[in-house]
Every structure is written in structure tokens, then in C-alpha cells.
Amino acid sequence: MQTGNDRAAASGWHLDRRVPVALIVTIIMQTIGIVWWAASISARVDVLERRLQEARHNQSRIIRLEANQNAVYQRLDRIEAASRRIEAKLDRLIMAQVAREKKR
């Protein structure tokens, strides 16, 4: 005849009445908590991956904007140089006009 231990060994595992219900509930709650935590981590990783893709897209846009900005600065430098040349010519023209009027 088989004893209780022999039957348990033959049939695999079994739940004994000595295991408190509180322990079972605690293990189930911990499992639910771990699954919930893992799901929230997965969602956060998805958000971060999306933001990383956007940042990569923005990086190329920023590089193009910086190149355009440098071109604008170069054009501005040329405009300022032309403006200085025009001012110098106007100053010489005014000085020549004043000198002619003094001669009269």
C-alpha cells in the first residue's frame, strides 16, 4: 500500500493544507505586480525609442539649419561690407560737394 508521501511523489506536486492561503495570495499579488511593472517598463521603453527616432530626425534637420544659418551669416557679412563701401563712397561724395561749395 502507498503512503501519502509515495502518492505525492508518484503524482507530481500537490497542494498541502499546511500552506496558508495568505502565502498563496501573496505570491499571486507579487506575480501580478511583477507583470504590471514589466508592462510599464515596456511602455516606457517604447516611448523612449519613439523619442530617440524623433531626435535622430531632428538632428539631421538641425544640421541643415546650421548650414543655412552659416550661409545667412556669410551673406550678411557681404551685405555689411557692401554697406561700408557705399557709406565710404557717400562720405567722399559729400566731402567733394562741400569742397565745391566752399570754392564758390
C-alpha atoms as a PDB file:
ATOM      1  CA  MET A   1       0.000   0.000   0.000  1.00  0.00           C
ATOM      2  CA  GLN A   2       1.211   3.506  -0.774  1.00  0.00           C
ATOM      3  CA  THR A   3       1.709   6.082   1.887  1.00  0.00           C
ATOM      4  CA  GLY A   4       0.888   9.814   1.485  1.00  0.00           C
ATOM      5  CA  ASN A   5       4.478  10.630   0.526  1.00  0.00           C
ATOM      6  CA  ASP A   6       4.549   7.857  -2.049  1.00  0.00           C
ATOM      7  CA  ARG A   7       1.331   9.105  -3.658  1.00  0.00           C
ATOM      8  CA  ALA A   8       2.635  12.677  -3.776  1.00  0.00           C
ATOM      9  CA  ALA A   9       5.865  11.540  -5.375  1.00  0.00           C
ATOM     10  CA  ALA A  10       4.012   9.449  -7.926  1.00  0.00           C
ATOM     11  CA  SER A  11       1.537  12.126  -8.957  1.00  0.00           C
ATOM     12  CA  GLY A  12       3.969  15.073  -9.077  1.00  0.00           C
ATOM     13  CA  TRP A  13       3.351  18.019  -6.822  1.00  0.00           C
ATOM     14  CA  HIS A  14       0.290  18.704  -4.736  1.00  0.00           C
ATOM     15  CA  LEU A  15      -1.064  21.458  -2.525  1.00  0.00           C
ATOM     16  CA  ASP A  16      -1.000  20.608   1.114  1.00  0.00           C
ATOM     17  CA  ARG A  17      -3.446  22.129   3.589  1.00  0.00           C
ATOM     18  CA  ARG A  18      -0.483  23.289   5.627  1.00  0.00           C
ATOM     19  CA  VAL A  19       0.245  26.034   3.006  1.00  0.00           C
ATOM     20  CA  PRO A  20      -1.560  29.137   4.239  1.00  0.00           C
ATOM     21  CA  VAL A  21      -3.953  30.951   1.921  1.00  0.00           C
ATOM     22  CA  ALA A  22      -2.153  34.211   2.738  1.00  0.00           C
ATOM     23  CA  LEU A  23       1.034  32.824   1.209  1.00  0.00           C
ATOM     24  CA  ILE A  24      -0.785  31.844  -1.990  1.00  0.00           C
ATOM     25  CA  VAL A  25      -2.448  35.273  -2.224  1.00  0.00           C
ATOM     26  CA  THR A  26       0.893  36.982  -1.582  1.00  0.00           C
ATOM     27  CA  ILE A  27       2.612  35.038  -4.346  1.00  0.00           C
ATOM     28  CA  ILE A  28      -0.241  35.779  -6.766  1.00  0.00           C
ATOM     29  CA  MET A  29      -0.131  39.501  -5.875  1.00  0.00           C
ATOM     30  CA  GLN A  30       3.642  39.585  -6.318  1.00  0.00           C
ATOM     31  CA  THR A  31       3.301  37.909  -9.709  1.00  0.00           C
ATOM     32  CA  ILE A  32       0.657  40.421 -10.771  1.00  0.00           C
ATOM     33  CA  GLY A  33       2.890  43.249  -9.533  1.00  0.00           C
ATOM     34  CA  ILE A  34       5.882  41.966 -11.483  1.00  0.00           C
ATOM     35  CA  VAL A  35       3.829  41.600 -14.665  1.00  0.00           C
ATOM     36  CA  TRP A  36       2.406  45.110 -14.205  1.00  0.00           C
ATOM     37  CA  TRP A  37       5.887  46.534 -13.573  1.00  0.00           C
ATOM     38  CA  ALA A  38       7.281  44.783 -16.659  1.00  0.00           C
ATOM     39  CA  ALA A  39       4.416  46.129 -18.782  1.00  0.00           C
ATOM     40  CA  SER A  40       5.047  49.677 -17.559  1.00  0.00           C
ATOM     41  CA  ILE A  41       8.771  49.320 -18.286  1.00  0.00           C
ATOM     42  CA  SER A  42       7.933  48.064 -21.772  1.00  0.00           C
ATOM     43  CA  ALA A  43       5.672  51.069 -22.382  1.00  0.00           C
ATOM     44  CA  ARG A  44       8.370  53.457 -21.163  1.00  0.00           C
ATOM     45  CA  VAL A  45      10.946  51.829 -23.441  1.00  0.00           C
ATOM     46  CA  ASP A  46       8.554  52.202 -26.386  1.00  0.00           C
ATOM     47  CA  VAL A  47       8.138  55.909 -25.628  1.00  0.00           C
ATOM     48  CA  LEU A  48      11.900  56.379 -25.327  1.00  0.00           C
ATOM     49  CA  GLU A  49      12.525  54.564 -28.612  1.00  0.00           C
ATOM     50  CA  ARG A  50       9.975  56.809 -30.339  1.00  0.00           C
ATOM     51  CA  ARG A  51      11.634  59.912 -28.879  1.00  0.00           C
ATOM     52  CA  LEU A  52      15.035  58.646 -29.998  1.00  0.00           C
ATOM     53  CA  GLN A  53      13.784  58.287 -33.571  1.00  0.00           C
ATOM     54  CA  GLU A  54      12.372  61.819 -33.440  1.00  0.00           C
ATOM     55  CA  ALA A  55      15.680  63.090 -32.075  1.00  0.00           C
ATOM     56  CA  ARG A  56      17.562  61.436 -34.934  1.00  0.00           C
ATOM     57  CA  HIS A  57      15.212  63.079 -37.414  1.00  0.00           C
ATOM     58  CA  ASN A  58      15.634  66.418 -35.641  1.00  0.00           C
ATOM     59  CA  GLN A  59      19.411  66.011 -35.653  1.00  0.00           C
ATOM     60  CA  SER A  60      19.526  65.972 -39.443  1.00  0.00           C
ATOM     61  CA  ARG A  61      17.182  68.975 -39.536  1.00  0.00           C
ATOM     62  CA  ILE A  62      19.427  70.846 -37.091  1.00  0.00           C
ATOM     63  CA  ILE A  63      22.495  70.119 -39.223  1.00  0.00           C
ATOM     64  CA  ARG A  64      20.720  71.546 -42.278  1.00  0.00           C
ATOM     65  CA  LEU A  65      19.552  74.587 -40.304  1.00  0.00           C
ATOM     66  CA  GLU A  66      23.085  75.236 -39.057  1.00  0.00           C
ATOM     67  CA  ALA A  67      24.381  75.076 -42.627  1.00  0.00           C
ATOM     68  CA  ASN A  68      21.677  77.523 -43.730  1.00  0.00           C
ATOM     69  CA  GLN A  69      22.484  79.778 -40.790  1.00  0.00           C
ATOM     70  CA  ASN A  70      26.164  79.848 -41.766  1.00  0.00           C
ATOM     71  CA  ALA A  71      25.179  80.783 -45.319  1.00  0.00           C
ATOM     72  CA  VAL A  72      22.996  83.598 -43.980  1.00  0.00           C
ATOM     73  CA  TYR A  73      25.880  84.868 -41.832  1.00  0.00           C
ATOM     74  CA  GLN A  74      28.153  84.897 -44.884  1.00  0.00           C
ATOM     75  CA  ARG A  75      25.563  86.833 -46.879  1.00  0.00           C
ATOM     76  CA  LEU A  76      25.148  89.258 -44.003  1.00  0.00           C
ATOM     77  CA  ASP A  77      28.904  89.815 -43.892  1.00  0.00           C
ATOM     78  CA  ARG A  78      28.884  90.592 -47.629  1.00  0.00           C
ATOM     79  CA  ILE A  79      25.953  92.987 -47.192  1.00  0.00           C
ATOM     80  CA  GLU A  80      27.726  94.746 -44.324  1.00  0.00           C
ATOM     81  CA  ALA A  81      30.899  95.062 -46.394  1.00  0.00           C
ATOM     82  CA  ALA A  82      28.903  96.493 -49.309  1.00  0.00           C
ATOM     83  CA  SER A  83      27.155  98.888 -46.941  1.00  0.00           C
ATOM     84  CA  ARG A  84      30.515 100.121 -45.596  1.00  0.00           C
ATOM     85  CA  ARG A  85      31.765 100.656 -49.159  1.00  0.00           C
ATOM     86  CA  ILE A  86      28.600 102.601 -50.033  1.00  0.00           C
ATOM     87  CA  GLU A  87      28.951 104.726 -46.884  1.00  0.00           C
ATOM     88  CA  ALA A  88      32.560 105.461 -47.734  1.00  0.00           C
ATOM     89  CA  LYS A  89      31.595 106.496 -51.271  1.00  0.00           C
ATOM     90  CA  LEU A  90      28.795 108.683 -49.937  1.00  0.00           C
ATOM     91  CA  ASP A  91      31.175 110.306 -47.455  1.00  0.00           C
ATOM     92  CA  ARG A  92      33.636 111.063 -50.282  1.00  0.00           C
ATOM     93  CA  LEU A  93      30.812 112.413 -52.450  1.00  0.00           C
ATOM     94  CA  ILE A  94      29.536 114.652 -49.645  1.00  0.00           C
ATOM     95  CA  MET A  95      33.038 115.876 -48.884  1.00  0.00           C
ATOM     96  CA  ALA A  96      33.575 116.665 -52.571  1.00  0.00           C
ATOM     97  CA  GLN A  97      30.234 118.508 -52.694  1.00  0.00           C
ATOM     98  CA  VAL A  98      31.149 120.536 -49.589  1.00  0.00           C
ATOM     99  CA  ALA A  99      34.558 121.359 -51.052  1.00  0.00           C
ATOM    100  CA  ARG A 100      32.964 122.633 -54.297  1.00  0.00           C
ATOM    101  CA  GLU A 101      30.520 124.790 -52.387  1.00  0.00           C
ATOM    102  CA  LYS A 102      33.350 126.331 -50.353  1.00  0.00           C
ATOM    103  CA  LYS A 103      35.200 127.223 -53.539  1.00  0.00           C
ATOM    104  CA  ARG A 104      32.264 129.261 -54.801  1.00  0.00           C
END
